[in-house]
PDB file of N, CA and C in Angstrom:
ATOM      1  N   MET A   1      43.449 -37.272  -0.807  1.00  0.00           N
ATOM      2  CA  MET A   1      42.282 -37.276   0.037  1.00  0.00           C
ATOM      3  C   MET A   1      41.049 -37.374  -0.846  1.00  0.00           C
ATOM      4  N   THR A   2      40.063 -38.070  -0.336  1.00  0.00           N
ATOM      5  CA  THR A   2      38.858 -38.220  -1.124  1.00  0.00           C
ATOM      6  C   THR A   2      37.664 -37.700  -0.359  1.00  0.00           C
ATOM      7  N   LYS A   3      36.600 -37.382  -1.087  1.00  0.00           N
ATOM      8  CA  LYS A   3      35.385 -36.904  -0.441  1.00  0.00           C
ATOM      9  C   LYS A   3      34.826 -37.967   0.488  1.00  0.00           C
ATOM     10  N   GLY A   4      34.986 -39.236   0.108  1.00  0.00           N
ATOM     11  CA  GLY A   4      34.518 -40.321   0.957  1.00  0.00           C
ATOM     12  C   GLY A   4      35.177 -40.302   2.321  1.00  0.00           C
ATOM     13  N   LEU A   5      36.457 -39.996   2.339  1.00  0.00           N
ATOM     14  CA  LEU A   5      37.175 -39.892   3.602  1.00  0.00           C
ATOM     15  C   LEU A   5      36.578 -38.788   4.448  1.00  0.00           C
ATOM     16  N   TYR A   6      36.309 -37.626   3.828  1.00  0.00           N
ATOM     17  CA  TYR A   6      35.720 -36.517   4.573  1.00  0.00           C
ATOM     18  C   TYR A   6      34.369 -36.904   5.164  1.00  0.00           C
ATOM     19  N   LEU A   7      33.573 -37.603   4.377  1.00  0.00           N
ATOM     20  CA  LEU A   7      32.248 -37.990   4.862  1.00  0.00           C
ATOM     21  C   LEU A   7      32.348 -38.975   6.010  1.00  0.00           C
ATOM     22  N   ARG A   8      33.299 -39.908   5.931  1.00  0.00           N
ATOM     23  CA  ARG A   8      33.477 -40.861   7.028  1.00  0.00           C
ATOM     24  C   ARG A   8      33.915 -40.158   8.302  1.00  0.00           C
ATOM     25  N   LEU A   9      34.604 -39.049   8.152  1.00  0.00           N
ATOM     26  CA  LEU A   9      35.055 -38.302   9.320  1.00  0.00           C
ATOM     27  C   LEU A   9      34.002 -37.304   9.802  1.00  0.00           C
ATOM     28  N   ALA A  10      32.841 -37.309   9.191  1.00  0.00           N
ATOM     29  CA  ALA A  10      31.719 -36.453   9.554  1.00  0.00           C
ATOM     30  C   ALA A  10      32.084 -34.971   9.481  1.00  0.00           C
ATOM     31  N   ILE A  11      32.762 -34.594   8.418  1.00  0.00           N
ATOM     32  CA  ILE A  11      33.117 -33.197   8.200  1.00  0.00           C
ATOM     33  C   ILE A  11      31.999 -32.543   7.401  1.00  0.00           C
ATOM     34  N   SER A  12      31.632 -31.331   7.793  1.00  0.00           N
ATOM     35  CA  SER A  12      30.525 -30.640   7.138  1.00  0.00           C
ATOM     36  C   SER A  12      30.892 -30.220   5.717  1.00  0.00           C
ATOM     37  N   LYS A  13      29.869 -29.915   4.923  1.00  0.00           N
ATOM     38  CA  LYS A  13      30.092 -29.529   3.526  1.00  0.00           C
ATOM     39  C   LYS A  13      31.011 -28.314   3.386  1.00  0.00           C
ATOM     40  N   PRO A  14      30.838 -27.233   4.168  1.00  0.00           N
ATOM     41  CA  PRO A  14      31.790 -26.114   4.041  1.00  0.00           C
ATOM     42  C   PRO A  14      33.233 -26.534   4.335  1.00  0.00           C
ATOM     43  N   GLU A  15      33.400 -27.436   5.275  1.00  0.00           N
ATOM     44  CA  GLU A  15      34.750 -27.912   5.583  1.00  0.00           C
ATOM     45  C   GLU A  15      35.314 -28.753   4.439  1.00  0.00           C
ATOM     46  N   VAL A  16      34.458 -29.515   3.765  1.00  0.00           N
ATOM     47  CA  VAL A  16      34.898 -30.300   2.610  1.00  0.00           C
ATOM     48  C   VAL A  16      35.344 -29.358   1.501  1.00  0.00           C
ATOM     49  N   VAL A  17      34.569 -28.297   1.262  1.00  0.00           N
ATOM     50  CA  VAL A  17      34.936 -27.315   0.239  1.00  0.00           C
ATOM     51  C   VAL A  17      36.271 -26.679   0.605  1.00  0.00           C
ATOM     52  N   TRP A  18      36.440 -26.290   1.874  1.00  0.00           N
ATOM     53  CA  TRP A  18      37.682 -25.688   2.349  1.00  0.00           C
ATOM     54  C   TRP A  18      38.856 -26.639   2.107  1.00  0.00           C
ATOM     55  N   MET A  19      38.696 -27.906   2.498  1.00  0.00           N
ATOM     56  CA  MET A  19      39.772 -28.882   2.353  1.00  0.00           C
ATOM     57  C   MET A  19      40.064 -29.180   0.885  1.00  0.00           C
ATOM     58  N   ASN A  20      39.026 -29.292   0.066  1.00  0.00           N
ATOM     59  CA  ASN A  20      39.243 -29.544  -1.365  1.00  0.00           C
ATOM     60  C   ASN A  20      39.985 -28.380  -2.019  1.00  0.00           C
ATOM     61  N   THR A  21      39.632 -27.161  -1.628  1.00  0.00           N
ATOM     62  CA  THR A  21      40.314 -25.988  -2.175  1.00  0.00           C
ATOM     63  C   THR A  21      41.767 -25.959  -1.719  1.00  0.00           C
ATOM     64  N   MET A  22      41.999 -26.268  -0.452  1.00  0.00           N
ATOM     65  CA  MET A  22      43.376 -26.315   0.066  1.00  0.00           C
ATOM     66  C   MET A  22      44.192 -27.340  -0.719  1.00  0.00           C
ATOM     67  N   GLU A  23      43.614 -28.501  -0.938  1.00  0.00           N
ATOM     68  CA  GLU A  23      44.328 -29.550  -1.664  1.00  0.00           C
ATOM     69  C   GLU A  23      44.619 -29.111  -3.102  1.00  0.00           C
ATOM     70  N   THR A  24      43.651 -28.462  -3.744  1.00  0.00           N
ATOM     71  CA  THR A  24      43.851 -27.958  -5.095  1.00  0.00           C
ATOM     72  C   THR A  24      44.977 -26.932  -5.126  1.00  0.00           C
ATOM     73  N   ILE A  25      44.985 -26.024  -4.173  1.00  0.00           N
ATOM     74  CA  ILE A  25      46.041 -25.010  -4.083  1.00  0.00           C
ATOM     75  C   ILE A  25      47.402 -25.674  -3.932  1.00  0.00           C
ATOM     76  N   LEU A  26      47.491 -26.643  -3.051  1.00  0.00           N
ATOM     77  CA  LEU A  26      48.772 -27.321  -2.824  1.00  0.00           C
ATOM     78  C   LEU A  26      49.257 -28.047  -4.071  1.00  0.00           C
ATOM     79  N   ARG A  27      48.358 -28.689  -4.774  1.00  0.00           N
ATOM     80  CA  ARG A  27      48.759 -29.407  -5.992  1.00  0.00           C
ATOM     81  C   ARG A  27      49.228 -28.433  -7.085  1.00  0.00           C
ATOM     82  N   ILE A  28      48.557 -27.291  -7.188  1.00  0.00           N
ATOM     83  CA  ILE A  28      48.987 -26.297  -8.179  1.00  0.00           C
ATOM     84  C   ILE A  28      50.358 -25.742  -7.816  1.00  0.00           C
ATOM     85  N   ILE A  29      50.572 -25.443  -6.540  1.00  0.00           N
ATOM     86  CA  ILE A  29      51.879 -24.944  -6.121  1.00  0.00           C
ATOM     87  C   ILE A  29      52.946 -25.999  -6.398  1.00  0.00           C
ATOM     88  N   GLN A  30      52.617 -27.255  -6.158  1.00  0.00           N
ATOM     89  CA  GLN A  30      53.564 -28.337  -6.442  1.00  0.00           C
ATOM     90  C   GLN A  30      53.915 -28.359  -7.930  1.00  0.00           C
ATOM     91  N   GLU A  31      52.922 -28.225  -8.794  1.00  0.00           N
ATOM     92  CA  GLU A  31      53.147 -28.260 -10.240  1.00  0.00           C
ATOM     93  C   GLU A  31      53.933 -27.045 -10.723  1.00  0.00           C
ATOM     94  N   GLU A  32      53.613 -25.875 -10.185  1.00  0.00           N
ATOM     95  CA  GLU A  32      54.230 -24.627 -10.641  1.00  0.00           C
ATOM     96  C   GLU A  32      55.591 -24.361 -10.000  1.00  0.00           C
ATOM     97  N   GLY A  33      55.804 -24.893  -8.821  1.00  0.00           N
ATOM     98  CA  GLY A  33      57.027 -24.607  -8.079  1.00  0.00           C
ATOM     99  C   GLY A  33      56.859 -23.383  -7.204  1.00  0.00           C
ATOM    100  N   ARG A  34      56.687 -22.240  -7.817  1.00  0.00           N
ATOM    101  CA  ARG A  34      56.407 -20.983  -7.124  1.00  0.00           C
ATOM    102  C   ARG A  34      55.263 -20.299  -7.861  1.00  0.00           C
ATOM    103  N   ILE A  35      54.423 -19.594  -7.093  1.00  0.00           N
ATOM    104  CA  ILE A  35      53.259 -18.964  -7.719  1.00  0.00           C
ATOM    105  C   ILE A  35      52.807 -17.773  -6.888  1.00  0.00           C
ATOM    106  N   THR A  36      52.189 -16.815  -7.557  1.00  0.00           N
ATOM    107  CA  THR A  36      51.626 -15.659  -6.865  1.00  0.00           C
ATOM    108  C   THR A  36      50.149 -15.910  -6.563  1.00  0.00           C
ATOM    109  N   PRO A  37      49.605 -15.233  -5.565  1.00  0.00           N
ATOM    110  CA  PRO A  37      48.176 -15.376  -5.269  1.00  0.00           C
ATOM    111  C   PRO A  37      47.291 -14.998  -6.456  1.00  0.00           C
ATOM    112  N   THR A  38      47.693 -14.012  -7.230  1.00  0.00           N
ATOM    113  CA  THR A  38      46.890 -13.586  -8.383  1.00  0.00           C
ATOM    114  C   THR A  38      46.777 -14.694  -9.422  1.00  0.00           C
ATOM    115  N   VAL A  39      47.891 -15.316  -9.757  1.00  0.00           N
ATOM    116  CA  VAL A  39      47.880 -16.414 -10.733  1.00  0.00           C
ATOM    117  C   VAL A  39      47.115 -17.602 -10.165  1.00  0.00           C
ATOM    118  N   LEU A  40      47.340 -17.899  -8.901  1.00  0.00           N
ATOM    119  CA  LEU A  40      46.643 -19.009  -8.247  1.00  0.00           C
ATOM    120  C   LEU A  40      45.137 -18.774  -8.255  1.00  0.00           C
ATOM    121  N   ALA A  41      44.715 -17.552  -7.959  1.00  0.00           N
ATOM    122  CA  ALA A  41      43.283 -17.221  -7.958  1.00  0.00           C
ATOM    123  C   ALA A  41      42.659 -17.461  -9.328  1.00  0.00           C
ATOM    124  N   LYS A  42      43.361 -17.067 -10.379  1.00  0.00           N
ATOM    125  CA  LYS A  42      42.850 -17.292 -11.739  1.00  0.00           C
ATOM    126  C   LYS A  42      42.737 -18.776 -12.042  1.00  0.00           C
ATOM    127  N   LYS A  43      43.708 -19.554 -11.593  1.00  0.00           N
ATOM    128  CA  LYS A  43      43.711 -20.998 -11.874  1.00  0.00           C
ATOM    129  C   LYS A  43      42.574 -21.735 -11.173  1.00  0.00           C
ATOM    130  N   ILE A  44      42.195 -21.277  -9.961  1.00  0.00           N
ATOM    131  CA  ILE A  44      41.150 -21.997  -9.222  1.00  0.00           C
ATOM    132  C   ILE A  44      39.790 -21.301  -9.261  1.00  0.00           C
ATOM    133  N   GLY A  45      39.733 -20.131  -9.877  1.00  0.00           N
ATOM    134  CA  GLY A  45      38.456 -19.435 -10.011  1.00  0.00           C
ATOM    135  C   GLY A  45      37.937 -18.837  -8.717  1.00  0.00           C
ATOM    136  N   LYS A  46      38.842 -18.426  -7.854  1.00  0.00           N
ATOM    137  CA  LYS A  46      38.467 -17.776  -6.590  1.00  0.00           C
ATOM    138  C   LYS A  46      39.085 -16.387  -6.573  1.00  0.00           C
ATOM    139  N   SER A  47      38.628 -15.542  -5.660  1.00  0.00           N
ATOM    140  CA  SER A  47      39.195 -14.196  -5.561  1.00  0.00           C
ATOM    141  C   SER A  47      40.602 -14.252  -4.971  1.00  0.00           C
ATOM    142  N   ARG A  48      41.404 -13.250  -5.320  1.00  0.00           N
ATOM    143  CA  ARG A  48      42.758 -13.164  -4.765  1.00  0.00           C
ATOM    144  C   ARG A  48      42.710 -12.991  -3.254  1.00  0.00           C
ATOM    145  N   VAL A  49      41.722 -12.266  -2.770  1.00  0.00           N
ATOM    146  CA  VAL A  49      41.580 -12.068  -1.325  1.00  0.00           C
ATOM    147  C   VAL A  49      41.360 -13.411  -0.626  1.00  0.00           C
ATOM    148  N   LEU A  50      40.487 -14.244  -1.181  1.00  0.00           N
ATOM    149  CA  LEU A  50      40.237 -15.559  -0.588  1.00  0.00           C
ATOM    150  C   LEU A  50      41.474 -16.451  -0.682  1.00  0.00           C
ATOM    151  N   VAL A  51      42.169 -16.403  -1.810  1.00  0.00           N
ATOM    152  CA  VAL A  51      43.394 -17.187  -1.966  1.00  0.00           C
ATOM    153  C   VAL A  51      44.422 -16.762  -0.914  1.00  0.00           C
ATOM    154  N   ASN A  52      44.510 -15.474  -0.638  1.00  0.00           N
ATOM    155  CA  ASN A  52      45.429 -15.007   0.406  1.00  0.00           C
ATOM    156  C   ASN A  52      45.057 -15.567   1.779  1.00  0.00           C
ATOM    157  N   VAL A  53      43.776 -15.720   2.043  1.00  0.00           N
ATOM    158  CA  VAL A  53      43.333 -16.324   3.310  1.00  0.00           C
ATOM    159  C   VAL A  53      43.829 -17.770   3.390  1.00  0.00           C
ATOM    160  N   TYR A  54      43.641 -18.516   2.316  1.00  0.00           N
ATOM    161  CA  TYR A  54      44.126 -19.899   2.263  1.00  0.00           C
ATOM    162  C   TYR A  54      45.644 -19.955   2.435  1.00  0.00           C
ATOM    163  N   LEU A  55      46.352 -19.096   1.713  1.00  0.00           N
ATOM    164  CA  LEU A  55      47.816 -19.111   1.783  1.00  0.00           C
ATOM    165  C   LEU A  55      48.325 -18.766   3.182  1.00  0.00           C
ATOM    166  N   ARG A  56      47.688 -17.803   3.835  1.00  0.00           N
ATOM    167  CA  ARG A  56      48.093 -17.470   5.211  1.00  0.00           C
ATOM    168  C   ARG A  56      47.876 -18.653   6.143  1.00  0.00           C
ATOM    169  N   ALA A  57      46.743 -19.342   5.978  1.00  0.00           N
ATOM    170  CA  ALA A  57      46.477 -20.520   6.803  1.00  0.00           C
ATOM    171  C   ALA A  57      47.518 -21.601   6.550  1.00  0.00           C
ATOM    172  N   LEU A  58      47.830 -21.846   5.291  1.00  0.00           N
ATOM    173  CA  LEU A  58      48.845 -22.849   4.942  1.00  0.00           C
ATOM    174  C   LEU A  58      50.230 -22.436   5.432  1.00  0.00           C
ATOM    175  N   GLU A  59      50.510 -21.147   5.376  1.00  0.00           N
ATOM    176  CA  GLU A  59      51.794 -20.651   5.861  1.00  0.00           C
ATOM    177  C   GLU A  59      51.893 -20.822   7.378  1.00  0.00           C
ATOM    178  N   ASN A  60      50.814 -20.529   8.086  1.00  0.00           N
ATOM    179  CA  ASN A  60      50.795 -20.702   9.547  1.00  0.00           C
ATOM    180  C   ASN A  60      50.974 -22.158   9.955  1.00  0.00           C
ATOM    181  N   LEU A  61      50.544 -23.064   9.095  1.00  0.00           N
ATOM    182  CA  LEU A  61      50.704 -24.498   9.357  1.00  0.00           C
ATOM    183  C   LEU A  61      52.080 -25.013   8.934  1.00  0.00           C
ATOM    184  N   GLY A  62      52.871 -24.162   8.283  1.00  0.00           N
ATOM    185  CA  GLY A  62      54.197 -24.572   7.838  1.00  0.00           C
ATOM    186  C   GLY A  62      54.194 -25.389   6.565  1.00  0.00           C
ATOM    187  N   ILE A  63      53.113 -25.304   5.783  1.00  0.00           N
ATOM    188  CA  ILE A  63      52.968 -26.105   4.573  1.00  0.00           C
ATOM    189  C   ILE A  63      53.466 -25.348   3.340  1.00  0.00           C
ATOM    190  N   VAL A  64      53.287 -24.030   3.340  1.00  0.00           N
ATOM    191  CA  VAL A  64      53.844 -23.188   2.287  1.00  0.00           C
ATOM    192  C   VAL A  64      54.653 -22.078   2.946  1.00  0.00           C
ATOM    193  N   ARG A  65      55.506 -21.443   2.150  1.00  0.00           N
ATOM    194  CA  ARG A  65      56.257 -20.298   2.664  1.00  0.00           C
ATOM    195  C   ARG A  65      56.282 -19.208   1.600  1.00  0.00           C
ATOM    196  N   ARG A  66      56.338 -18.006   2.090  1.00  0.00           N
ATOM    197  CA  ARG A  66      56.462 -16.853   1.201  1.00  0.00           C
ATOM    198  C   ARG A  66      57.947 -16.653   0.933  1.00  0.00           C
ATOM    199  N   VAL A  67      58.313 -16.651  -0.331  1.00  0.00           N
ATOM    200  CA  VAL A  67      59.736 -16.570  -0.689  1.00  0.00           C
ATOM    201  C   VAL A  67      60.103 -15.243  -1.334  1.00  0.00           C
ATOM    202  N   GLY A  68      59.148 -14.407  -1.506  1.00  0.00           N
ATOM    203  CA  GLY A  68      59.370 -13.099  -2.105  1.00  0.00           C
ATOM    204  C   GLY A  68      58.088 -12.324  -2.021  1.00  0.00           C
ATOM    205  N   ARG A  69      58.118 -11.147  -2.569  1.00  0.00           N
ATOM    206  CA  ARG A  69      56.904 -10.336  -2.511  1.00  0.00           C
ATOM    207  C   ARG A  69      55.785 -11.006  -3.311  1.00  0.00           C
ATOM    208  N   GLY A  70      54.845 -11.596  -2.575  1.00  0.00           N
ATOM    209  CA  GLY A  70      53.708 -12.250  -3.207  1.00  0.00           C
ATOM    210  C   GLY A  70      54.029 -13.536  -3.933  1.00  0.00           C
ATOM    211  N   LEU A  71      55.093 -14.199  -3.565  1.00  0.00           N
ATOM    212  CA  LEU A  71      55.492 -15.439  -4.227  1.00  0.00           C
ATOM    213  C   LEU A  71      55.565 -16.548  -3.184  1.00  0.00           C
ATOM    214  N   TYR A  72      54.885 -17.654  -3.447  1.00  0.00           N
ATOM    215  CA  TYR A  72      54.803 -18.753  -2.489  1.00  0.00           C
ATOM    216  C   TYR A  72      55.296 -20.048  -3.101  1.00  0.00           C
ATOM    217  N   GLU A  73      55.806 -20.930  -2.230  1.00  0.00           N
ATOM    218  CA  GLU A  73      56.218 -22.273  -2.633  1.00  0.00           C
ATOM    219  C   GLU A  73      55.918 -23.232  -1.488  1.00  0.00           C
ATOM    220  N   LEU A  74      55.945 -24.524  -1.790  1.00  0.00           N
ATOM    221  CA  LEU A  74      55.763 -25.538  -0.751  1.00  0.00           C
ATOM    222  C   LEU A  74      57.000 -25.622   0.123  1.00  0.00           C
ATOM    223  N   THR A  75      56.795 -25.902   1.396  1.00  0.00           N
ATOM    224  CA  THR A  75      57.904 -26.248   2.276  1.00  0.00           C
ATOM    225  C   THR A  75      58.176 -27.738   2.109  1.00  0.00           C
ATOM    226  N   GLU A  76      59.216 -28.233   2.738  1.00  0.00           N
ATOM    227  CA  GLU A  76      59.471 -29.679   2.713  1.00  0.00           C
ATOM    228  C   GLU A  76      58.288 -30.433   3.297  1.00  0.00           C
ATOM    229  N   GLU A  77      57.717 -29.897   4.373  1.00  0.00           N
ATOM    230  CA  GLU A  77      56.555 -30.530   5.005  1.00  0.00           C
ATOM    231  C   GLU A  77      55.370 -30.570   4.045  1.00  0.00           C
ATOM    232  N   GLY A  78      55.183 -29.472   3.307  1.00  0.00           N
ATOM    233  CA  GLY A  78      54.097 -29.421   2.332  1.00  0.00           C
ATOM    234  C   GLY A  78      54.289 -30.415   1.209  1.00  0.00           C
ATOM    235  N   ALA A  79      55.516 -30.540   0.731  1.00  0.00           N
ATOM    236  CA  ALA A  79      55.812 -31.507  -0.325  1.00  0.00           C
ATOM    237  C   ALA A  79      55.559 -32.928   0.158  1.00  0.00           C
ATOM    238  N   CYS A  80      55.942 -33.215   1.399  1.00  0.00           N
ATOM    239  CA  CYS A  80      55.697 -34.548   1.974  1.00  0.00           C
ATOM    240  C   CYS A  80      54.203 -34.813   2.120  1.00  0.00           C
ATOM    241  N   LEU A  81      53.467 -33.790   2.528  1.00  0.00           N
ATOM    242  CA  LEU A  81      52.019 -33.931   2.691  1.00  0.00           C
ATOM    243  C   LEU A  81      51.362 -34.285   1.366  1.00  0.00           C
ATOM    244  N   ILE A  82      51.723 -33.596   0.311  1.00  0.00           N
ATOM    245  CA  ILE A  82      51.181 -33.876  -1.023  1.00  0.00           C
ATOM    246  C   ILE A  82      51.574 -35.276  -1.469  1.00  0.00           C
ATOM    247  N   LYS A  83      52.829 -35.625  -1.277  1.00  0.00           N
ATOM    248  CA  LYS A  83      53.306 -36.949  -1.683  1.00  0.00           C
ATOM    249  C   LYS A  83      52.553 -38.056  -0.939  1.00  0.00           C
ATOM    250  N   ASN A  84      52.361 -37.888   0.355  1.00  0.00           N
ATOM    251  CA  ASN A  84      51.664 -38.899   1.160  1.00  0.00           C
ATOM    252  C   ASN A  84      50.180 -38.966   0.828  1.00  0.00           C
ATOM    253  N   SER A  85      49.549 -37.840   0.537  1.00  0.00           N
ATOM    254  CA  SER A  85      48.115 -37.862   0.238  1.00  0.00           C
ATOM    255  C   SER A  85      47.836 -38.493  -1.125  1.00  0.00           C
ATOM    256  N   SER A  86      48.798 -38.428  -2.037  1.00  0.00           N
ATOM    257  CA  SER A  86      48.579 -39.023  -3.360  1.00  0.00           C
ATOM    258  C   SER A  86      48.773 -40.539  -3.342  1.00  0.00           C
ATOM    259  N   HIS A  87      49.355 -41.069  -2.289  1.00  0.00           N
ATOM    260  CA  HIS A  87      49.557 -42.515  -2.169  1.00  0.00           C
ATOM    261  C   HIS A  87      48.434 -43.215  -1.423  1.00  0.00           C
ATOM    262  N   GLN A  88      47.398 -42.468  -1.043  1.00  0.00           N
ATOM    263  CA  GLN A  88      46.291 -43.093  -0.287  1.00  0.00           C
ATOM    264  C   GLN A  88      45.147 -43.445  -1.195  1.00  0.00           C
TER     265      GLN A  88
END
């Protein structure tokens, strides 16, 4: 996904930041395989509390799943989403 796409869709700046952060989180999870919110927060420079908000939203959408105490990974749907977004 690109910022140009967001602008064409008339998405506000806070929504662009939200979407860019979500995409960054998904790509890091893809690279790491499994990751904790604490490690993810350090990698993206956000608070662990905020990262947990993102992860819960992604989990509710079926894009990531919690596989252990504080450990997350992509679902098949999440992996497909990342794969499809990188081909655009």
